[in-house]
């Protein structure tokens, strides 16, 4: 009879609030896709610059 003390005190009450409106699944999917500008990553830009430099150096060697 562990519940004996609750007889004289205020009873436990669990409140359930109103449920939120259902979310738009299309909007959630669009946000998760994280659409944005088509830009290379910094590592991709670095590698492209490195390739361009090597190509320029090779081209310079052939001309001399």
N, C-alpha and C. Protein backbone atom coordinates (compact mmCIF):
# COMPACT_ATOMS: atom_id res chain seq x y z
N UNK A 1 0.83 -1.18 0.00
CA UNK A 1 0.00 0.00 0.00
C UNK A 1 0.88 1.25 0.00
N UNK A 2 1.70 1.35 -0.99
CA UNK A 2 2.59 2.49 -1.09
C UNK A 2 1.85 3.75 -1.50
N UNK A 3 0.64 3.60 -2.00
CA UNK A 3 -0.12 4.73 -2.50
C UNK A 3 -0.96 5.38 -1.39
N UNK A 4 -0.78 4.97 -0.16
CA UNK A 4 -1.61 5.44 0.95
C UNK A 4 -1.45 6.94 1.20
N UNK A 5 -0.24 7.47 1.01
CA UNK A 5 0.01 8.88 1.28
C UNK A 5 -0.70 9.78 0.28
N UNK A 6 -0.99 9.28 -0.91
CA UNK A 6 -1.65 10.10 -1.92
C UNK A 6 -3.12 10.34 -1.59
N UNK A 7 -3.68 9.58 -0.67
CA UNK A 7 -5.09 9.74 -0.33
C UNK A 7 -5.35 11.09 0.34
N UNK A 8 -4.41 11.60 1.08
CA UNK A 8 -4.62 12.87 1.77
C UNK A 8 -4.04 14.04 0.99
N UNK A 9 -3.14 13.77 0.10
CA UNK A 9 -2.54 14.86 -0.68
C UNK A 9 -3.26 15.01 -2.01
N UNK A 10 -2.81 15.99 -2.76
CA UNK A 10 -3.39 16.20 -4.09
C UNK A 10 -3.02 15.03 -5.00
N UNK A 11 -3.96 14.58 -5.78
CA UNK A 11 -3.73 13.44 -6.67
C UNK A 11 -2.81 13.85 -7.81
N UNK A 12 -2.05 12.86 -8.32
CA UNK A 12 -1.20 13.11 -9.48
C UNK A 12 -2.07 13.27 -10.71
N UNK A 13 -1.74 14.24 -11.53
CA UNK A 13 -2.53 14.51 -12.71
C UNK A 13 -1.60 14.69 -13.90
N UNK A 14 -1.85 13.98 -14.96
CA UNK A 14 -1.04 14.11 -16.17
C UNK A 14 -1.83 14.89 -17.19
N UNK A 15 -1.28 16.02 -17.62
CA UNK A 15 -1.96 16.84 -18.61
C UNK A 15 -1.41 16.52 -19.99
N UNK A 16 -2.31 16.43 -20.93
CA UNK A 16 -1.92 16.20 -22.32
C UNK A 16 -2.42 17.40 -23.11
N UNK A 17 -1.47 18.15 -23.69
CA UNK A 17 -1.84 19.33 -24.45
C UNK A 17 -2.42 18.96 -25.80
N UNK A 18 -2.97 19.94 -26.49
CA UNK A 18 -3.51 19.66 -27.82
C UNK A 18 -2.40 19.26 -28.77
N UNK A 19 -2.69 18.33 -29.65
CA UNK A 19 -1.66 17.86 -30.58
C UNK A 19 -1.38 18.95 -31.62
N UNK A 20 -0.13 19.11 -32.03
CA UNK A 20 0.20 20.14 -33.03
C UNK A 20 -0.35 19.76 -34.40
N UNK A 21 -0.44 20.77 -35.26
CA UNK A 21 -0.94 20.52 -36.61
C UNK A 21 0.01 19.56 -37.32
N UNK A 22 -0.50 18.71 -38.20
CA UNK A 22 0.40 17.80 -38.94
C UNK A 22 1.31 18.59 -39.87
N UNK A 23 2.53 18.15 -39.97
CA UNK A 23 3.52 18.85 -40.80
C UNK A 23 3.38 18.45 -42.26
N UNK A 24 3.82 19.34 -43.13
CA UNK A 24 3.77 19.11 -44.56
C UNK A 24 4.97 18.23 -44.94
N UNK A 25 4.76 16.98 -45.37
CA UNK A 25 5.89 16.10 -45.68
C UNK A 25 6.70 16.57 -46.89
N UNK A 26 6.06 17.29 -47.81
CA UNK A 26 6.78 17.78 -48.99
C UNK A 26 7.78 18.86 -48.59
N UNK A 27 7.36 19.75 -47.69
CA UNK A 27 8.25 20.82 -47.26
C UNK A 27 9.43 20.25 -46.47
N UNK A 28 9.18 19.25 -45.66
CA UNK A 28 10.26 18.63 -44.87
C UNK A 28 11.27 17.97 -45.81
N UNK A 29 10.77 17.27 -46.84
CA UNK A 29 11.67 16.60 -47.78
C UNK A 29 12.51 17.62 -48.52
N UNK A 30 11.92 18.75 -48.91
CA UNK A 30 12.66 19.78 -49.63
C UNK A 30 13.74 20.39 -48.74
N UNK A 31 13.43 20.58 -47.49
CA UNK A 31 14.41 21.16 -46.57
C UNK A 31 15.56 20.20 -46.30
N UNK A 32 15.25 18.91 -46.21
CA UNK A 32 16.30 17.92 -45.95
C UNK A 32 17.24 17.76 -47.13
N UNK A 33 16.76 18.05 -48.33
CA UNK A 33 17.63 17.95 -49.51
C UNK A 33 18.70 19.02 -49.47
N UNK A 34 18.45 20.09 -48.75
CA UNK A 34 19.40 21.19 -48.59
C UNK A 34 19.86 21.72 -49.94
N UNK A 35 18.90 22.12 -50.76
CA UNK A 35 19.23 22.67 -52.07
C UNK A 35 19.99 23.97 -51.88
N UNK A 36 20.90 24.23 -52.77
CA UNK A 36 21.69 25.44 -52.68
C UNK A 36 22.49 25.66 -53.94
N UNK A 37 23.40 26.60 -53.92
CA UNK A 37 24.20 26.88 -55.10
C UNK A 37 25.12 25.72 -55.42
N UNK A 38 25.35 25.51 -56.68
CA UNK A 38 26.22 24.42 -57.12
C UNK A 38 27.66 24.93 -57.13
N UNK A 39 28.32 24.84 -56.00
CA UNK A 39 29.68 25.32 -55.83
C UNK A 39 30.55 24.14 -55.41
N UNK A 40 31.75 24.09 -55.95
CA UNK A 40 32.67 23.02 -55.55
C UNK A 40 33.08 23.22 -54.10
N UNK A 41 33.40 22.11 -53.47
CA UNK A 41 33.86 22.18 -52.09
C UNK A 41 35.25 22.80 -52.07
N UNK A 42 35.69 23.31 -50.93
CA UNK A 42 37.04 23.90 -50.85
C UNK A 42 38.14 22.92 -51.28
N UNK A 43 38.00 21.64 -50.92
CA UNK A 43 39.03 20.68 -51.31
C UNK A 43 39.00 20.48 -52.82
N UNK A 44 37.81 20.50 -53.42
CA UNK A 44 37.70 20.37 -54.88
C UNK A 44 38.31 21.56 -55.58
N UNK A 45 38.09 22.75 -55.03
CA UNK A 45 38.69 23.96 -55.61
C UNK A 45 40.21 23.91 -55.51
N UNK A 46 40.71 23.43 -54.38
CA UNK A 46 42.16 23.34 -54.17
C UNK A 46 42.77 22.36 -55.17
N UNK A 47 42.12 21.22 -55.37
CA UNK A 47 42.64 20.23 -56.31
C UNK A 47 42.60 20.75 -57.74
N UNK A 48 41.54 21.49 -58.09
CA UNK A 48 41.43 22.06 -59.44
C UNK A 48 42.54 23.08 -59.67
N UNK A 49 42.83 23.89 -58.66
CA UNK A 49 43.91 24.88 -58.78
C UNK A 49 45.26 24.18 -58.93
N UNK A 50 45.44 23.10 -58.20
CA UNK A 50 46.69 22.35 -58.28
C UNK A 50 46.87 21.75 -59.67
N UNK A 51 45.78 21.19 -60.24
CA UNK A 51 45.85 20.64 -61.59
C UNK A 51 46.13 21.72 -62.62
N UNK A 52 45.49 22.89 -62.45
CA UNK A 52 45.70 23.99 -63.40
C UNK A 52 47.14 24.47 -63.34
N UNK A 53 47.72 24.53 -62.16
CA UNK A 53 49.12 24.96 -62.02
C UNK A 53 50.05 23.96 -62.68
N UNK A 54 49.82 22.67 -62.45
CA UNK A 54 50.66 21.65 -63.07
C UNK A 54 50.54 21.70 -64.59
N UNK A 55 49.34 21.93 -65.09
CA UNK A 55 49.12 22.02 -66.53
C UNK A 55 49.84 23.24 -67.10
N UNK A 56 49.78 24.36 -66.39
CA UNK A 56 50.46 25.58 -66.85
C UNK A 56 51.97 25.39 -66.85
N UNK A 57 52.50 24.70 -65.84
CA UNK A 57 53.94 24.47 -65.78
C UNK A 57 54.39 23.56 -66.92
N UNK A 58 53.60 22.52 -67.23
CA UNK A 58 53.94 21.63 -68.34
C UNK A 58 53.88 22.37 -69.67
N UNK A 59 52.90 23.22 -69.82
CA UNK A 59 52.75 23.98 -71.06
C UNK A 59 53.93 24.95 -71.22
N UNK A 60 54.37 25.54 -70.12
CA UNK A 60 55.52 26.46 -70.15
C UNK A 60 56.80 25.73 -70.51
N UNK A 61 56.97 24.49 -70.06
CA UNK A 61 58.18 23.71 -70.37
C UNK A 61 58.24 23.38 -71.86
N UNK A 62 57.10 23.05 -72.45
CA UNK A 62 57.06 22.68 -73.86
C UNK A 62 57.40 23.85 -74.76
N UNK A 63 57.09 25.06 -74.37
CA UNK A 63 57.33 26.24 -75.20
C UNK A 63 58.79 26.66 -75.18
N UNK A 64 59.53 26.36 -74.15
CA UNK A 64 60.93 26.82 -74.08
C UNK A 64 61.88 25.87 -74.75
